[in-house]
Amino acid sequence: MPRWMLVAATALTLGGASAQQGEPPHAWVFGSWTGGFFPAADTEGPRCTGQPSVIFTRDVVMRSSPFDVAYRQRFIETVSASNNALEFRLVPVQPQMTQLGPRLPPDIGFGCPAGPNALRVERRGPDEIVFPDCADFPSPLRRCVGR
């Protein structure tokens, strides 16, 4: 085989490998998840996808609150992965000025011991995760799936 063909074949092979490996470490958690506050009930159809507890995207984690309609949106600063776990560092949120002085918005974190700018996610099964030791999400979360 001529040298130029070998170089081209190697480049194509490496290019294909990097495209597959180009996913971020938290790609397996992308999507909508239900449960967390209480045990997950419906994981299929519009009831789940219309009102999930947590939504993960490439750059953002959104969480709902049992006491508020709006989702809390947190930008992802970094993600590190281990066997079946993810460690998220979230972009710090600036306190809002209130009549009582500067305060963080309610429900801005996940109730985790590491503070509002950290979240550990552990995979318990193909469609089940937990946020260990996070007071706001004591129950497992289940992935919302389409029909």
C-alpha atoms as a PDB file:
ATOM      1  CA  MET A   1       0.000   0.000   0.000  1.00  0.00           C
ATOM      2  CA  PRO A   2       1.424   3.428  -0.890  1.00  0.00           C
ATOM      3  CA  ARG A   3       2.443   5.611   2.021  1.00  0.00           C
ATOM      4  CA  TRP A   4      -0.176   8.285   1.279  1.00  0.00           C
ATOM      5  CA  MET A   5      -2.966   5.683   1.432  1.00  0.00           C
ATOM      6  CA  LEU A   6      -1.661   4.412   4.761  1.00  0.00           C
ATOM      7  CA  VAL A   7      -1.621   7.963   6.160  1.00  0.00           C
ATOM      8  CA  ALA A   8      -5.156   8.610   4.844  1.00  0.00           C
ATOM      9  CA  ALA A   9      -6.477   5.329   6.291  1.00  0.00           C
ATOM     10  CA  THR A  10      -4.876   6.103   9.649  1.00  0.00           C
ATOM     11  CA  ALA A  11      -6.364   9.607   9.666  1.00  0.00           C
ATOM     12  CA  LEU A  12      -9.840   8.252   8.869  1.00  0.00           C
ATOM     13  CA  THR A  13      -9.555   5.634  11.588  1.00  0.00           C
ATOM     14  CA  LEU A  14      -8.402   8.160  14.182  1.00  0.00           C
ATOM     15  CA  GLY A  15     -11.017  10.653  13.061  1.00  0.00           C
ATOM     16  CA  GLY A  16     -13.782   8.083  13.554  1.00  0.00           C
ATOM     17  CA  ALA A  17     -12.455   7.105  16.972  1.00  0.00           C
ATOM     18  CA  SER A  18     -12.295  10.696  18.160  1.00  0.00           C
ATOM     19  CA  ALA A  19     -15.855  11.351  16.937  1.00  0.00           C
ATOM     20  CA  GLN A  20     -17.113   8.453  19.052  1.00  0.00           C
ATOM     21  CA  GLN A  21     -14.988   9.508  22.004  1.00  0.00           C
ATOM     22  CA  GLY A  22     -15.980  13.166  21.537  1.00  0.00           C
ATOM     23  CA  GLU A  23     -18.881  12.823  23.939  1.00  0.00           C
ATOM     24  CA  PRO A  24     -18.509  14.512  27.324  1.00  0.00           C
ATOM     25  CA  PRO A  25     -18.048  12.238  30.360  1.00  0.00           C
ATOM     26  CA  HIS A  26     -21.621  12.863  31.512  1.00  0.00           C
ATOM     27  CA  ALA A  27     -23.322  11.965  28.209  1.00  0.00           C
ATOM     28  CA  TRP A  28     -24.878   8.843  29.763  1.00  0.00           C
ATOM     29  CA  VAL A  29     -26.945  11.017  32.102  1.00  0.00           C
ATOM     30  CA  PHE A  30     -28.372  13.383  29.421  1.00  0.00           C
ATOM     31  CA  GLY A  31     -32.149  13.633  29.489  1.00  0.00           C
ATOM     32  CA  SER A  32     -35.060  13.943  31.888  1.00  0.00           C
ATOM     33  CA  TRP A  33     -35.248  12.162  35.242  1.00  0.00           C
ATOM     34  CA  THR A  34     -38.182  11.745  37.616  1.00  0.00           C
ATOM     35  CA  GLY A  35     -38.303  10.957  41.314  1.00  0.00           C
ATOM     36  CA  GLY A  36     -35.748  12.219  43.782  1.00  0.00           C
ATOM     37  CA  PHE A  37     -38.174  14.004  46.092  1.00  0.00           C
ATOM     38  CA  PHE A  38     -40.342  10.905  46.299  1.00  0.00           C
ATOM     39  CA  PRO A  39     -39.933   7.474  44.694  1.00  0.00           C
ATOM     40  CA  ALA A  40     -40.340   7.660  40.919  1.00  0.00           C
ATOM     41  CA  ALA A  41     -43.813   6.714  39.684  1.00  0.00           C
ATOM     42  CA  ASP A  42     -44.409   7.245  35.950  1.00  0.00           C
ATOM     43  CA  THR A  43     -41.296   6.910  33.810  1.00  0.00           C
ATOM     44  CA  GLU A  44     -43.065   6.762  30.434  1.00  0.00           C
ATOM     45  CA  GLY A  45     -45.039   9.234  28.434  1.00  0.00           C
ATOM     46  CA  PRO A  46     -46.001  12.869  28.822  1.00  0.00           C
ATOM     47  CA  ARG A  47     -46.575  12.742  32.565  1.00  0.00           C
ATOM     48  CA  CYS A  48     -42.868  12.052  33.112  1.00  0.00           C
ATOM     49  CA  THR A  49     -41.359  14.121  30.312  1.00  0.00           C
ATOM     50  CA  GLY A  50     -43.712  17.035  30.980  1.00  0.00           C
ATOM     51  CA  GLN A  51     -42.671  17.465  34.584  1.00  0.00           C
ATOM     52  CA  PRO A  52     -39.296  15.820  35.322  1.00  0.00           C
ATOM     53  CA  SER A  53     -37.428  16.437  38.590  1.00  0.00           C
ATOM     54  CA  VAL A  54     -34.020  16.930  36.961  1.00  0.00           C
ATOM     55  CA  ILE A  55     -32.847  17.565  33.397  1.00  0.00           C
ATOM     56  CA  PHE A  56     -29.224  17.089  32.328  1.00  0.00           C
ATOM     57  CA  THR A  57     -27.798  18.612  29.143  1.00  0.00           C
ATOM     58  CA  ARG A  58     -24.255  19.134  27.926  1.00  0.00           C
ATOM     59  CA  ASP A  59     -23.882  22.511  29.690  1.00  0.00           C
ATOM     60  CA  VAL A  60     -26.762  22.784  32.158  1.00  0.00           C
ATOM     61  CA  VAL A  61     -28.416  20.908  35.027  1.00  0.00           C
ATOM     62  CA  MET A  62     -31.979  21.975  35.797  1.00  0.00           C
ATOM     63  CA  ARG A  63     -33.879  20.929  38.873  1.00  0.00           C
ATOM     64  CA  SER A  64     -37.474  21.369  39.862  1.00  0.00           C
ATOM     65  CA  SER A  65     -38.770  22.140  43.299  1.00  0.00           C
ATOM     66  CA  PRO A  66     -41.852  20.770  45.022  1.00  0.00           C
ATOM     67  CA  PHE A  67     -42.706  24.337  46.118  1.00  0.00           C
ATOM     68  CA  ASP A  68     -41.999  26.394  42.977  1.00  0.00           C
ATOM     69  CA  VAL A  69     -43.025  26.178  39.332  1.00  0.00           C
ATOM     70  CA  ALA A  70     -39.760  27.456  37.848  1.00  0.00           C
ATOM     71  CA  TYR A  71     -36.776  25.187  37.260  1.00  0.00           C
ATOM     72  CA  ARG A  72     -33.476  26.188  38.834  1.00  0.00           C
ATOM     73  CA  GLN A  73     -30.893  26.256  36.075  1.00  0.00           C
ATOM     74  CA  ARG A  74     -27.242  25.635  36.938  1.00  0.00           C
ATOM     75  CA  PHE A  75     -24.408  25.893  34.454  1.00  0.00           C
ATOM     76  CA  ILE A  76     -21.811  23.132  34.558  1.00  0.00           C
ATOM     77  CA  GLU A  77     -18.257  24.267  35.247  1.00  0.00           C
ATOM     78  CA  THR A  78     -16.556  20.836  35.193  1.00  0.00           C
ATOM     79  CA  VAL A  79     -17.481  17.158  35.258  1.00  0.00           C
ATOM     80  CA  SER A  80     -15.255  14.279  36.265  1.00  0.00           C
ATOM     81  CA  ALA A  81     -16.204  10.647  35.847  1.00  0.00           C
ATOM     82  CA  SER A  82     -15.287   7.469  37.671  1.00  0.00           C
ATOM     83  CA  ASN A  83     -16.670   3.931  37.314  1.00  0.00           C
ATOM     84  CA  ASN A  84     -20.378   4.580  37.905  1.00  0.00           C
ATOM     85  CA  ALA A  85     -20.298   8.124  39.229  1.00  0.00           C
ATOM     86  CA  LEU A  86     -20.040  11.725  38.094  1.00  0.00           C
ATOM     87  CA  GLU A  87     -18.744  14.701  40.074  1.00  0.00           C
ATOM     88  CA  PHE A  88     -20.232  17.992  38.870  1.00  0.00           C
ATOM     89  CA  ARG A  89     -18.789  21.377  39.797  1.00  0.00           C
ATOM     90  CA  LEU A  90     -21.417  23.997  39.029  1.00  0.00           C
ATOM     91  CA  VAL A  91     -20.747  27.636  38.239  1.00  0.00           C
ATOM     92  CA  PRO A  92     -21.147  29.541  41.536  1.00  0.00           C
ATOM     93  CA  VAL A  93     -24.301  31.608  41.848  1.00  0.00           C
ATOM     94  CA  GLN A  94     -24.066  35.150  43.113  1.00  0.00           C
ATOM     95  CA  PRO A  95     -26.234  35.971  46.145  1.00  0.00           C
ATOM     96  CA  GLN A  96     -29.293  38.087  45.426  1.00  0.00           C
ATOM     97  CA  MET A  97     -29.823  41.246  47.441  1.00  0.00           C
ATOM     98  CA  THR A  98     -32.910  40.963  49.654  1.00  0.00           C
ATOM     99  CA  GLN A  99     -34.322  43.117  52.461  1.00  0.00           C
ATOM    100  CA  LEU A 100     -32.373  40.908  54.870  1.00  0.00           C
ATOM    101  CA  GLY A 101     -29.130  41.249  52.933  1.00  0.00           C
ATOM    102  CA  PRO A 102     -27.497  39.063  50.273  1.00  0.00           C
ATOM    103  CA  ARG A 103     -28.938  35.545  50.028  1.00  0.00           C
ATOM    104  CA  LEU A 104     -28.651  32.614  47.652  1.00  0.00           C
ATOM    105  CA  PRO A 105     -31.888  31.825  45.804  1.00  0.00           C
ATOM    106  CA  PRO A 106     -33.900  29.016  47.432  1.00  0.00           C
ATOM    107  CA  ASP A 107     -33.425  25.501  46.039  1.00  0.00           C
ATOM    108  CA  ILE A 108     -30.323  26.620  44.116  1.00  0.00           C
ATOM    109  CA  GLY A 109     -28.366  23.494  45.043  1.00  0.00           C
ATOM    110  CA  PHE A 110     -29.310  19.891  45.626  1.00  0.00           C
ATOM    111  CA  GLY A 111     -28.944  19.802  49.410  1.00  0.00           C
ATOM    112  CA  CYS A 112     -25.590  18.015  49.158  1.00  0.00           C
ATOM    113  CA  PRO A 113     -22.970  18.134  51.916  1.00  0.00           C
ATOM    114  CA  ALA A 114     -20.369  19.616  49.522  1.00  0.00           C
ATOM    115  CA  GLY A 115     -22.526  22.722  49.083  1.00  0.00           C
ATOM    116  CA  PRO A 116     -24.752  24.233  46.400  1.00  0.00           C
ATOM    117  CA  ASN A 117     -22.047  24.193  43.715  1.00  0.00           C
ATOM    118  CA  ALA A 118     -21.339  20.455  43.807  1.00  0.00           C
ATOM    119  CA  LEU A 119     -23.335  17.394  42.799  1.00  0.00           C
ATOM    120  CA  ARG A 120     -22.342  13.737  42.868  1.00  0.00           C
ATOM    121  CA  VAL A 121     -24.399  11.397  40.671  1.00  0.00           C
ATOM    122  CA  GLU A 122     -24.135   7.621  41.068  1.00  0.00           C
ATOM    123  CA  ARG A 123     -25.542   5.158  38.556  1.00  0.00           C
ATOM    124  CA  ARG A 124     -27.545   2.367  40.208  1.00  0.00           C
ATOM    125  CA  GLY A 125     -28.836   0.737  37.033  1.00  0.00           C
ATOM    126  CA  PRO A 126     -29.314   1.420  33.331  1.00  0.00           C
ATOM    127  CA  ASP A 127     -32.049   3.992  34.011  1.00  0.00           C
ATOM    128  CA  GLU A 128     -31.631   4.778  37.710  1.00  0.00           C
ATOM    129  CA  ILE A 129     -29.378   7.274  39.495  1.00  0.00           C
ATOM    130  CA  VAL A 130     -29.029   8.681  42.999  1.00  0.00           C
ATOM    131  CA  PHE A 131     -27.608  11.849  44.500  1.00  0.00           C
ATOM    132  CA  PRO A 132     -26.010  10.286  47.606  1.00  0.00           C
ATOM    133  CA  ASP A 133     -26.389  12.202  50.870  1.00  0.00           C
ATOM    134  CA  CYS A 134     -28.271  15.069  49.166  1.00  0.00           C
ATOM    135  CA  ALA A 135     -31.124  16.087  51.442  1.00  0.00           C
ATOM    136  CA  ASP A 136     -33.264  17.590  48.649  1.00  0.00           C
ATOM    137  CA  PHE A 137     -33.232  14.333  46.653  1.00  0.00           C
ATOM    138  CA  PRO A 138     -33.370  11.414  49.108  1.00  0.00           C
ATOM    139  CA  SER A 139     -34.995   8.966  46.664  1.00  0.00           C
ATOM    140  CA  PRO A 140     -33.560   7.439  43.462  1.00  0.00           C
ATOM    141  CA  LEU A 141     -34.316   9.097  40.139  1.00  0.00           C
ATOM    142  CA  ARG A 142     -35.493   7.145  37.070  1.00  0.00           C
ATOM    143  CA  ARG A 143     -34.980   8.163  33.441  1.00  0.00           C
ATOM    144  CA  CYS A 144     -38.045   9.374  31.549  1.00  0.00           C
ATOM    145  CA  VAL A 145     -38.454   7.280  28.419  1.00  0.00           C
ATOM    146  CA  GLY A 146     -40.676   7.780  25.395  1.00  0.00           C
ATOM    147  CA  ARG A 147     -43.241   5.279  24.274  1.00  0.00           C
END
